[in-house]
PDB file of N, CA and C in Angstrom:
ATOM      1  N   MET A   1    -122.770 -76.806  -5.002  1.00  0.00           N
ATOM      2  CA  MET A   1    -123.349 -77.840  -4.335  1.00  0.00           C
ATOM      3  C   MET A   1    -122.795 -79.274  -4.869  1.00  0.00           C
ATOM      4  N   ALA A   2    -121.906 -80.166  -4.644  1.00  0.00           N
ATOM      5  CA  ALA A   2    -121.583 -81.498  -5.337  1.00  0.00           C
ATOM      6  C   ALA A   2    -122.938 -82.595  -4.957  1.00  0.00           C
ATOM      7  N   PHE A   3    -123.020 -83.387  -5.921  1.00  0.00           N
ATOM      8  CA  PHE A   3    -123.789 -84.087  -5.730  1.00  0.00           C
ATOM      9  C   PHE A   3    -123.252 -85.350  -5.465  1.00  0.00           C
ATOM     10  N   LYS A   4    -123.904 -86.181  -4.450  1.00  0.00           N
ATOM     11  CA  LYS A   4    -123.441 -87.498  -4.274  1.00  0.00           C
ATOM     12  C   LYS A   4    -124.246 -88.423  -4.275  1.00  0.00           C
ATOM     13  N   GLY A   5    -123.938 -89.046  -5.491  1.00  0.00           N
ATOM     14  CA  GLY A   5    -125.166 -90.390  -5.571  1.00  0.00           C
ATOM     15  C   GLY A   5    -124.647 -91.743  -5.363  1.00  0.00           C
ATOM     16  N   THR A   6    -125.554 -92.748  -5.344  1.00  0.00           N
ATOM     17  CA  THR A   6    -124.968 -93.929  -4.736  1.00  0.00           C
ATOM     18  C   THR A   6    -125.799 -94.775  -6.249  1.00  0.00           C
ATOM     19  N   ALA A   7    -125.380 -95.958  -7.144  1.00  0.00           N
ATOM     20  CA  ALA A   7    -126.236 -96.652  -7.798  1.00  0.00           C
ATOM     21  C   ALA A   7    -126.858 -97.648  -6.696  1.00  0.00           C
ATOM     22  N   SER A   8    -126.399 -98.049  -6.134  1.00  0.00           N
ATOM     23  CA  SER A   8    -126.864 -99.224  -5.211  1.00  0.00           C
ATOM     24  C   SER A   8    -126.188 -99.192  -3.833  1.00  0.00           C
ATOM     25  N   LYS A   9    -126.701-100.136  -3.092  1.00  0.00           N
ATOM     26  CA  LYS A   9    -126.067-100.605  -1.707  1.00  0.00           C
ATOM     27  C   LYS A   9    -125.495-101.945  -1.703  1.00  0.00           C
ATOM     28  N   SER A  10    -124.399-102.321  -1.322  1.00  0.00           N
ATOM     29  CA  SER A  10    -123.893-103.762  -1.095  1.00  0.00           C
ATOM     30  C   SER A  10    -124.807-104.249   0.322  1.00  0.00           C
ATOM     31  N   SER A  11    -125.212-105.518   0.325  1.00  0.00           N
ATOM     32  CA  SER A  11    -125.294-106.580   1.398  1.00  0.00           C
ATOM     33  C   SER A  11    -125.150-106.058   2.433  1.00  0.00           C
ATOM     34  N   SER A  12    -123.831-105.416   2.852  1.00  0.00           N
ATOM     35  CA  SER A  12    -123.416-104.826   3.976  1.00  0.00           C
ATOM     36  C   SER A  12    -123.633-103.193   4.222  1.00  0.00           C
ATOM     37  N   GLY A  13    -124.431-102.748   3.147  1.00  0.00           N
ATOM     38  CA  GLY A  13    -124.813-101.751   3.455  1.00  0.00           C
ATOM     39  C   GLY A  13    -123.855-100.336   2.644  1.00  0.00           C
ATOM     40  N   ALA A  14    -122.629-100.754   2.267  1.00  0.00           N
ATOM     41  CA  ALA A  14    -121.896-100.000   1.704  1.00  0.00           C
ATOM     42  C   ALA A  14    -122.321 -99.577   0.063  1.00  0.00           C
ATOM     43  N   SER A  15    -122.077 -98.257   0.015  1.00  0.00           N
ATOM     44  CA  SER A  15    -122.096 -97.679  -1.198  1.00  0.00           C
ATOM     45  C   SER A  15    -121.762 -98.492  -2.293  1.00  0.00           C
ATOM     46  N   MET A  16    -122.329 -98.599  -3.375  1.00  0.00           N
ATOM     47  CA  MET A  16    -121.609 -99.373  -4.788  1.00  0.00           C
ATOM     48  C   MET A  16    -121.811 -98.454  -6.296  1.00  0.00           C
ATOM     49  N   SER A  17    -120.770 -98.216  -6.739  1.00  0.00           N
ATOM     50  CA  SER A  17    -120.765 -97.195  -8.014  1.00  0.00           C
ATOM     51  C   SER A  17    -121.488 -98.087  -8.986  1.00  0.00           C
ATOM     52  N   LYS A  18    -122.008 -97.744 -10.316  1.00  0.00           N
ATOM     53  CA  LYS A  18    -122.544 -98.473 -11.272  1.00  0.00           C
ATOM     54  C   LYS A  18    -121.945 -99.543 -11.777  1.00  0.00           C
ATOM     55  N   TYR A  19    -120.183 -99.181 -11.804  1.00  0.00           N
ATOM     56  CA  TYR A  19    -119.597-100.152 -12.256  1.00  0.00           C
ATOM     57  C   TYR A  19    -119.454-101.470 -11.539  1.00  0.00           C
ATOM     58  N   ASP A  20    -119.301-101.152 -10.052  1.00  0.00           N
ATOM     59  CA  ASP A  20    -119.601-102.139  -9.195  1.00  0.00           C
ATOM     60  C   ASP A  20    -120.909-103.192  -9.210  1.00  0.00           C
ATOM     61  N   VAL A  21    -121.919-102.039  -9.280  1.00  0.00           N
ATOM     62  CA  VAL A  21    -123.562-102.864  -9.497  1.00  0.00           C
ATOM     63  C   VAL A  21    -123.180-104.061 -10.871  1.00  0.00           C
ATOM     64  N   GLU A  22    -122.668-103.525 -11.799  1.00  0.00           N
ATOM     65  CA  GLU A  22    -122.411-103.964 -13.001  1.00  0.00           C
ATOM     66  C   GLU A  22    -121.863-105.551 -12.737  1.00  0.00           C
ATOM     67  N   VAL A  23    -120.460-105.136 -12.140  1.00  0.00           N
ATOM     68  CA  VAL A  23    -119.521-106.386 -12.030  1.00  0.00           C
ATOM     69  C   VAL A  23    -120.512-107.435 -10.952  1.00  0.00           C
ATOM     70  N   GLU A  24    -120.880-107.093 -10.001  1.00  0.00           N
ATOM     71  CA  GLU A  24    -121.461-107.892  -9.082  1.00  0.00           C
ATOM     72  C   GLU A  24    -122.281-108.674  -9.685  1.00  0.00           C
ATOM     73  N   ALA A  25    -123.285-107.865 -10.383  1.00  0.00           N
ATOM     74  CA  ALA A  25    -124.146-108.752 -11.549  1.00  0.00           C
ATOM     75  C   ALA A  25    -123.829-109.719 -12.349  1.00  0.00           C
ATOM     76  N   ARG A  26    -122.569-109.611 -13.095  1.00  0.00           N
ATOM     77  CA  ARG A  26    -121.834-110.524 -13.585  1.00  0.00           C
ATOM     78  C   ARG A  26    -121.297-111.645 -12.766  1.00  0.00           C
ATOM     79  N   LEU A  27    -120.720-111.312 -11.972  1.00  0.00           N
ATOM     80  CA  LEU A  27    -119.949-112.412 -10.788  1.00  0.00           C
ATOM     81  C   LEU A  27    -121.204-113.287 -10.489  1.00  0.00           C
ATOM     82  N   GLN A  28    -122.245-112.808 -10.332  1.00  0.00           N
ATOM     83  CA  GLN A  28    -123.374-113.693  -9.686  1.00  0.00           C
ATOM     84  C   GLN A  28    -123.794-114.397 -10.582  1.00  0.00           C
ATOM     85  N   ALA A  29    -123.982-113.836 -11.856  1.00  0.00           N
ATOM     86  CA  ALA A  29    -124.357-114.748 -13.235  1.00  0.00           C
ATOM     87  C   ALA A  29    -123.311-116.027 -13.445  1.00  0.00           C
ATOM     88  N   LEU A  30    -122.020-115.459 -13.435  1.00  0.00           N
ATOM     89  CA  LEU A  30    -121.084-116.798 -13.452  1.00  0.00           C
ATOM     90  C   LEU A  30    -121.123-117.644 -12.347  1.00  0.00           C
ATOM     91  N   GLU A  31    -121.332-117.527 -11.431  1.00  0.00           N
ATOM     92  CA  GLU A  31    -121.443-118.472 -10.088  1.00  0.00           C
ATOM     93  C   GLU A  31    -122.354-119.222 -10.290  1.00  0.00           C
ATOM     94  N   LYS A  32    -123.814-118.662 -10.488  1.00  0.00           N
ATOM     95  CA  LYS A  32    -124.944-119.223 -10.820  1.00  0.00           C
ATOM     96  C   LYS A  32    -124.734-120.467 -11.828  1.00  0.00           C
ATOM     97  N   VAL A  33    -124.201-120.325 -13.184  1.00  0.00           N
ATOM     98  CA  VAL A  33    -123.743-121.219 -13.818  1.00  0.00           C
ATOM     99  C   VAL A  33    -122.800-122.041 -13.694  1.00  0.00           C
ATOM    100  N   SER A  34    -121.568-121.756 -12.890  1.00  0.00           N
ATOM    101  CA  SER A  34    -120.611-122.707 -12.485  1.00  0.00           C
ATOM    102  C   SER A  34    -120.996-123.460 -11.376  1.00  0.00           C
ATOM    103  N   HIS A  35    -121.761-122.989 -10.623  1.00  0.00           N
ATOM    104  CA  HIS A  35    -122.245-123.703  -9.374  1.00  0.00           C
ATOM    105  C   HIS A  35    -123.511-124.068  -9.392  1.00  0.00           C
ATOM    106  N   PRO A  36    -123.935-124.791  -9.953  1.00  0.00           N
ATOM    107  CA  PRO A  36    -125.560-125.206 -10.084  1.00  0.00           C
ATOM    108  C   PRO A  36    -126.362-125.699  -8.919  1.00  0.00           C
ATOM    109  N   VAL A  37    -127.242-125.113  -8.512  1.00  0.00           N
ATOM    110  CA  VAL A  37    -127.653-126.285  -7.121  1.00  0.00           C
ATOM    111  C   VAL A  37    -128.365-127.467  -7.970  1.00  0.00           C
ATOM    112  N   PRO A  38    -127.943-128.546  -7.292  1.00  0.00           N
ATOM    113  CA  PRO A  38    -128.662-130.111  -7.791  1.00  0.00           C
ATOM    114  C   PRO A  38    -130.333-130.078  -7.358  1.00  0.00           C
ATOM    115  N   THR A  39    -130.838-130.156  -8.395  1.00  0.00           N
ATOM    116  CA  THR A  39    -132.217-130.446  -8.326  1.00  0.00           C
ATOM    117  C   THR A  39    -132.756-131.735  -8.859  1.00  0.00           C
ATOM    118  N   GLY A  40    -134.203-132.346  -8.625  1.00  0.00           N
ATOM    119  CA  GLY A  40    -134.668-133.490  -9.330  1.00  0.00           C
ATOM    120  C   GLY A  40    -133.680-134.905  -9.098  1.00  0.00           C
ATOM    121  N   ALA A  41    -133.239-135.384 -10.262  1.00  0.00           N
ATOM    122  CA  ALA A  41    -132.482-136.686 -10.297  1.00  0.00           C
ATOM    123  C   ALA A  41    -131.211-136.455  -9.859  1.00  0.00           C
ATOM    124  N   THR A  42    -130.863-135.533 -10.322  1.00  0.00           N
ATOM    125  CA  THR A  42    -129.049-135.217  -9.842  1.00  0.00           C
ATOM    126  C   THR A  42    -129.019-134.874  -8.417  1.00  0.00           C
ATOM    127  N   GLN A  43    -130.146-134.390  -7.627  1.00  0.00           N
ATOM    128  CA  GLN A  43    -130.165-133.986  -6.182  1.00  0.00           C
ATOM    129  C   GLN A  43    -130.305-135.355  -5.525  1.00  0.00           C
ATOM    130  N   GLN A  44    -130.898-136.267  -6.205  1.00  0.00           N
ATOM    131  CA  GLN A  44    -131.318-137.713  -5.908  1.00  0.00           C
ATOM    132  C   GLN A  44    -129.943-138.649  -5.599  1.00  0.00           C
ATOM    133  N   LYS A  45    -129.405-138.467  -6.449  1.00  0.00           N
ATOM    134  CA  LYS A  45    -127.852-139.099  -6.557  1.00  0.00           C
ATOM    135  C   LYS A  45    -127.027-138.645  -5.779  1.00  0.00           C
ATOM    136  N   VAL A  46    -127.417-137.335  -5.421  1.00  0.00           N
ATOM    137  CA  VAL A  46    -126.311-136.918  -4.402  1.00  0.00           C
ATOM    138  C   VAL A  46    -126.556-137.528  -3.218  1.00  0.00           C
ATOM    139  N   ASP A  47    -128.172-137.554  -3.013  1.00  0.00           N
ATOM    140  CA  ASP A  47    -128.492-137.631  -1.427  1.00  0.00           C
ATOM    141  C   ASP A  47    -128.064-139.217  -1.172  1.00  0.00           C
ATOM    142  N   ASP A  48    -128.652-139.881  -2.239  1.00  0.00           N
ATOM    143  CA  ASP A  48    -127.821-141.486  -2.339  1.00  0.00           C
ATOM    144  C   ASP A  48    -126.721-141.873  -1.874  1.00  0.00           C
ATOM    145  N   ARG A  49    -125.704-141.095  -2.820  1.00  0.00           N
ATOM    146  CA  ARG A  49    -124.330-141.292  -2.598  1.00  0.00           C
ATOM    147  C   ARG A  49    -124.124-140.798  -1.171  1.00  0.00           C
ATOM    148  N   LEU A  50    -124.599-139.736  -0.734  1.00  0.00           N
ATOM    149  CA  LEU A  50    -124.203-139.536   0.707  1.00  0.00           C
ATOM    150  C   LEU A  50    -124.788-140.407   1.776  1.00  0.00           C
ATOM    151  N   ALA A  51    -125.987-140.864   1.592  1.00  0.00           N
ATOM    152  CA  ALA A  51    -126.452-141.724   2.318  1.00  0.00           C
ATOM    153  C   ALA A  51    -125.628-143.123   2.279  1.00  0.00           C
ATOM    154  N   ALA A  52    -125.418-143.754   1.197  1.00  0.00           N
ATOM    155  CA  ALA A  52    -124.201-144.527   1.142  1.00  0.00           C
ATOM    156  C   ALA A  52    -122.930-144.738   1.916  1.00  0.00           C
ATOM    157  N   LEU A  53    -122.356-143.476   1.599  1.00  0.00           N
ATOM    158  CA  LEU A  53    -121.206-143.570   2.516  1.00  0.00           C
ATOM    159  C   LEU A  53    -121.351-143.050   3.892  1.00  0.00           C
ATOM    160  N   GLU A  54    -122.282-142.481   4.580  1.00  0.00           N
ATOM    161  CA  GLU A  54    -122.562-142.318   5.774  1.00  0.00           C
ATOM    162  C   GLU A  54    -123.021-143.542   6.534  1.00  0.00           C
ATOM    163  N   LYS A  55    -123.626-144.477   5.669  1.00  0.00           N
ATOM    164  CA  LYS A  55    -124.101-145.950   6.290  1.00  0.00           C
ATOM    165  C   LYS A  55    -122.517-146.882   5.955  1.00  0.00           C
ATOM    166  N   ALA A  56    -121.617-146.529   5.294  1.00  0.00           N
ATOM    167  CA  ALA A  56    -120.067-147.156   5.539  1.00  0.00           C
ATOM    168  C   ALA A  56    -119.452-146.850   6.328  1.00  0.00           C
ATOM    169  N   VAL A  57    -119.263-145.493   6.817  1.00  0.00           N
ATOM    170  CA  VAL A  57    -118.711-144.619   7.938  1.00  0.00           C
ATOM    171  C   VAL A  57    -119.417-145.384   9.294  1.00  0.00           C
ATOM    172  N   ALA A  58    -120.892-145.666   9.265  1.00  0.00           N
ATOM    173  CA  ALA A  58    -121.244-145.884  10.611  1.00  0.00           C
ATOM    174  C   ALA A  58    -120.788-147.661  10.820  1.00  0.00           C
ATOM    175  N   GLU A  59    -120.626-148.517   9.613  1.00  0.00           N
ATOM    176  CA  GLU A  59    -120.487-149.842   9.946  1.00  0.00           C
ATOM    177  C   GLU A  59    -118.997-149.858  10.149  1.00  0.00           C
ATOM    178  N   ILE A  60    -117.973-148.823   9.474  1.00  0.00           N
ATOM    179  CA  ILE A  60    -116.704-149.229  10.061  1.00  0.00           C
ATOM    180  C   ILE A  60    -116.755-148.625  11.506  1.00  0.00           C
ATOM    181  N   ALA A  61    -117.304-147.915  11.707  1.00  0.00           N
ATOM    182  CA  ALA A  61    -117.008-147.252  13.233  1.00  0.00           C
ATOM    183  C   ALA A  61    -117.811-148.307  14.238  1.00  0.00           C
ATOM    184  N   ALA A  62    -118.631-149.054  13.931  1.00  0.00           N
ATOM    185  CA  ALA A  62    -119.197-150.116  14.850  1.00  0.00           C
ATOM    186  C   ALA A  62    -118.166-151.114  14.818  1.00  0.00           C
ATOM    187  N   LYS A  63    -117.247-151.686  13.446  1.00  0.00           N
ATOM    188  CA  LYS A  63    -116.173-152.536  13.643  1.00  0.00           C
ATOM    189  C   LYS A  63    -115.535-152.182  14.696  1.00  0.00           C
ATOM    190  N   CYS A  64    -114.904-150.905  14.754  1.00  0.00           N
ATOM    191  CA  CYS A  64    -113.798-150.231  15.178  1.00  0.00           C
ATOM    192  C   CYS A  64    -114.111-150.317  16.882  1.00  0.00           C
ATOM    193  N   ASP A  65    -115.145-150.012  17.123  1.00  0.00           N
ATOM    194  CA  ASP A  65    -115.930-149.757  18.646  1.00  0.00           C
ATOM    195  C   ASP A  65    -115.733-151.392  18.904  1.00  0.00           C
ATOM    196  N   SER A  66    -116.346-152.281  18.468  1.00  0.00           N
ATOM    197  CA  SER A  66    -116.387-153.679  18.473  1.00  0.00           C
ATOM    198  C   SER A  66    -114.928-154.161  18.670  1.00  0.00           C
ATOM    199  N   ARG A  67    -114.015-154.045  17.815  1.00  0.00           N
ATOM    200  CA  ARG A  67    -112.806-154.584  18.249  1.00  0.00           C
ATOM    201  C   ARG A  67    -111.879-153.946  19.327  1.00  0.00           C
ATOM    202  N   ALA A  68    -111.974-152.549  19.708  1.00  0.00           N
ATOM    203  CA  ALA A  68    -111.946-151.790  20.833  1.00  0.00           C
ATOM    204  C   ALA A  68    -112.356-152.716  22.313  1.00  0.00           C
ATOM    205  N   THR A  69    -113.509-152.754  21.999  1.00  0.00           N
ATOM    206  CA  THR A  69    -114.161-153.324  23.730  1.00  0.00           C
ATOM    207  C   THR A  69    -113.639-154.656  23.683  1.00  0.00           C
ATOM    208  N   GLY A  70    -113.182-155.278  22.682  1.00  0.00           N
ATOM    209  CA  GLY A  70    -113.241-156.930  22.819  1.00  0.00           C
ATOM    210  C   GLY A  70    -113.921-157.727  22.365  1.00  0.00           C
ATOM    211  N   GLY A  71    -115.095-157.134  21.734  1.00  0.00           N
ATOM    212  CA  GLY A  71    -116.216-158.082  21.093  1.00  0.00           C
ATOM    213  C   GLY A  71    -116.181-158.560  19.726  1.00  0.00           C
ATOM    214  N   GLY A  72    -116.291-159.210  19.470  1.00  0.00           N
ATOM    215  CA  GLY A  72    -116.451-159.753  17.833  1.00  0.00           C
ATOM    216  C   GLY A  72    -114.983-159.329  16.837  1.00  0.00           C
ATOM    217  N   GLY A  73    -114.636-159.902  16.073  1.00  0.00           N
ATOM    218  CA  GLY A  73    -113.431-159.660  15.222  1.00  0.00           C
ATOM    219  C   GLY A  73    -112.199-160.048  15.732  1.00  0.00           C
ATOM    220  N   ALA A  74    -112.251-160.877  16.938  1.00  0.00           N
ATOM    221  CA  ALA A  74    -110.635-161.407  17.667  1.00  0.00           C
ATOM    222  C   ALA A  74    -110.705-162.669  17.191  1.00  0.00           C
ATOM    223  N   ASP A  75    -109.170-162.890  17.273  1.00  0.00           N
ATOM    224  CA  ASP A  75    -108.819-164.241  16.460  1.00  0.00           C
ATOM    225  C   ASP A  75    -109.364-165.152  17.753  1.00  0.00           C
ATOM    226  N   PRO A  76    -109.789-166.599  17.480  1.00  0.00           N
ATOM    227  CA  PRO A  76    -110.146-167.507  18.228  1.00  0.00           C
ATOM    228  C   PRO A  76    -109.088-167.952  19.262  1.00  0.00           C
ATOM    229  N   ARG A  77    -107.869-168.040  18.329  1.00  0.00           N
ATOM    230  CA  ARG A  77    -106.747-168.491  19.059  1.00  0.00           C
ATOM    231  C   ARG A  77    -106.371-167.609  19.810  1.00  0.00           C
ATOM    232  N   VAL A  78    -106.456-166.511  19.918  1.00  0.00           N
ATOM    233  CA  VAL A  78    -106.023-165.478  21.033  1.00  0.00           C
ATOM    234  C   VAL A  78    -106.511-165.718  22.042  1.00  0.00           C
ATOM    235  N   ASP A  79    -107.934-166.134  22.103  1.00  0.00           N
ATOM    236  CA  ASP A  79    -109.082-165.818  23.189  1.00  0.00           C
ATOM    237  C   ASP A  79    -108.538-167.423  24.145  1.00  0.00           C
ATOM    238  N   ARG A  80    -108.155-168.264  23.032  1.00  0.00           N
ATOM    239  CA  ARG A  80    -107.874-169.494  23.735  1.00  0.00           C
ATOM    240  C   ARG A  80    -106.695-169.226  24.832  1.00  0.00           C
ATOM    241  N   ILE A  81    -105.435-168.390  24.310  1.00  0.00           N
ATOM    242  CA  ILE A  81    -104.275-168.170  24.818  1.00  0.00           C
ATOM    243  C   ILE A  81    -104.685-167.153  26.234  1.00  0.00           C
ATOM    244  N   ILE A  82    -105.396-166.451  26.110  1.00  0.00           N
ATOM    245  CA  ILE A  82    -105.788-165.656  27.146  1.00  0.00           C
ATOM    246  C   ILE A  82    -106.450-166.268  28.019  1.00  0.00           C
ATOM    247  N   ALA A  83    -107.179-167.450  27.841  1.00  0.00           N
ATOM    248  CA  ALA A  83    -107.870-168.244  28.778  1.00  0.00           C
ATOM    249  C   ALA A  83    -107.211-169.081  29.228  1.00  0.00           C
ATOM    250  N   HIS A  84    -105.795-169.634  28.503  1.00  0.00           N
ATOM    251  CA  HIS A  84    -105.036-170.427  29.098  1.00  0.00           C
ATOM    252  C   HIS A  84    -104.277-169.721  30.344  1.00  0.00           C
ATOM    253  N   ILE A  85    -103.885-168.377  30.065  1.00  0.00           N
ATOM    254  CA  ILE A  85    -103.162-167.836  30.907  1.00  0.00           C
ATOM    255  C   ILE A  85    -103.942-167.527  32.038  1.00  0.00           C
ATOM    256  N   ALA A  86    -105.158-167.118  31.730  1.00  0.00           N
ATOM    257  CA  ALA A  86    -105.628-166.527  33.132  1.00  0.00           C
ATOM    258  C   ALA A  86    -106.121-168.025  34.106  1.00  0.00           C
ATOM    259  N   LYS A  87    -105.763-169.251  33.373  1.00  0.00           N
ATOM    260  CA  LYS A  87    -106.147-170.503  34.344  1.00  0.00           C
ATOM    261  C   LYS A  87    -104.961-170.461  35.399  1.00  0.00           C
ATOM    262  N   LYS A  88    -103.835-170.009  35.001  1.00  0.00           N
ATOM    263  CA  LYS A  88    -102.539-170.138  35.639  1.00  0.00           C
ATOM    264  C   LYS A  88    -102.658-169.007  36.809  1.00  0.00           C
ATOM    265  N   GLU A  89    -102.636-169.630  38.067  1.00  0.00           N
ATOM    266  CA  GLU A  89    -102.449-168.659  39.339  1.00  0.00           C
ATOM    267  C   GLU A  89    -101.550-168.111  39.509  1.00  0.00           C
ATOM    268  N   ASP A  90    -100.627-168.814  39.409  1.00  0.00           N
ATOM    269  CA  ASP A  90     -99.054-168.226  39.751  1.00  0.00           C
ATOM    270  C   ASP A  90     -98.225-168.303  38.929  1.00  0.00           C
ATOM    271  N   VAL A  91     -97.553-167.609  38.194  1.00  0.00           N
ATOM    272  CA  VAL A  91     -96.482-167.832  37.142  1.00  0.00           C
ATOM    273  C   VAL A  91     -95.438-167.178  37.515  1.00  0.00           C
ATOM    274  N   SER A  92     -95.125-166.833  38.736  1.00  0.00           N
ATOM    275  CA  SER A  92     -93.927-166.050  38.901  1.00  0.00           C
ATOM    276  C   SER A  92     -92.859-167.132  39.261  1.00  0.00           C
ATOM    277  N   ASP A  93     -93.023-168.136  39.387  1.00  0.00           N
ATOM    278  CA  ASP A  93     -91.948-169.224  39.500  1.00  0.00           C
ATOM    279  C   ASP A  93     -91.553-169.451  38.128  1.00  0.00           C
ATOM    280  N   ILE A  94     -91.926-168.844  36.843  1.00  0.00           N
ATOM    281  CA  ILE A  94     -91.480-169.558  35.662  1.00  0.00           C
ATOM    282  C   ILE A  94     -90.393-168.558  35.302  1.00  0.00           C
ATOM    283  N   GLY A  95     -89.184-169.249  34.907  1.00  0.00           N
ATOM    284  CA  GLY A  95     -88.143-168.620  34.737  1.00  0.00           C
ATOM    285  C   GLY A  95     -86.902-168.387  34.575  1.00  0.00           C
TER     286      GLY A  95
END
């Protein structure tokens, strides 16, 4: 009778050999060192930078929206030209 043993099961339920278990443990240890989860002051710095970026993006988006709808940011000279053109009722005879 053949002995079918498994050292462990993977997260998907597949059987893993002892070698696979060892390699997986080493890989997880390396990933933990190379990609540490920020905590304390480091996490606060990350949160502060993210908040500053989100604020800057929101301000830029507001400026773009304002300009797209014609409010604010327009050159007053252009507004005067548009107002002048609007006063002219019939411009078809120009020409």
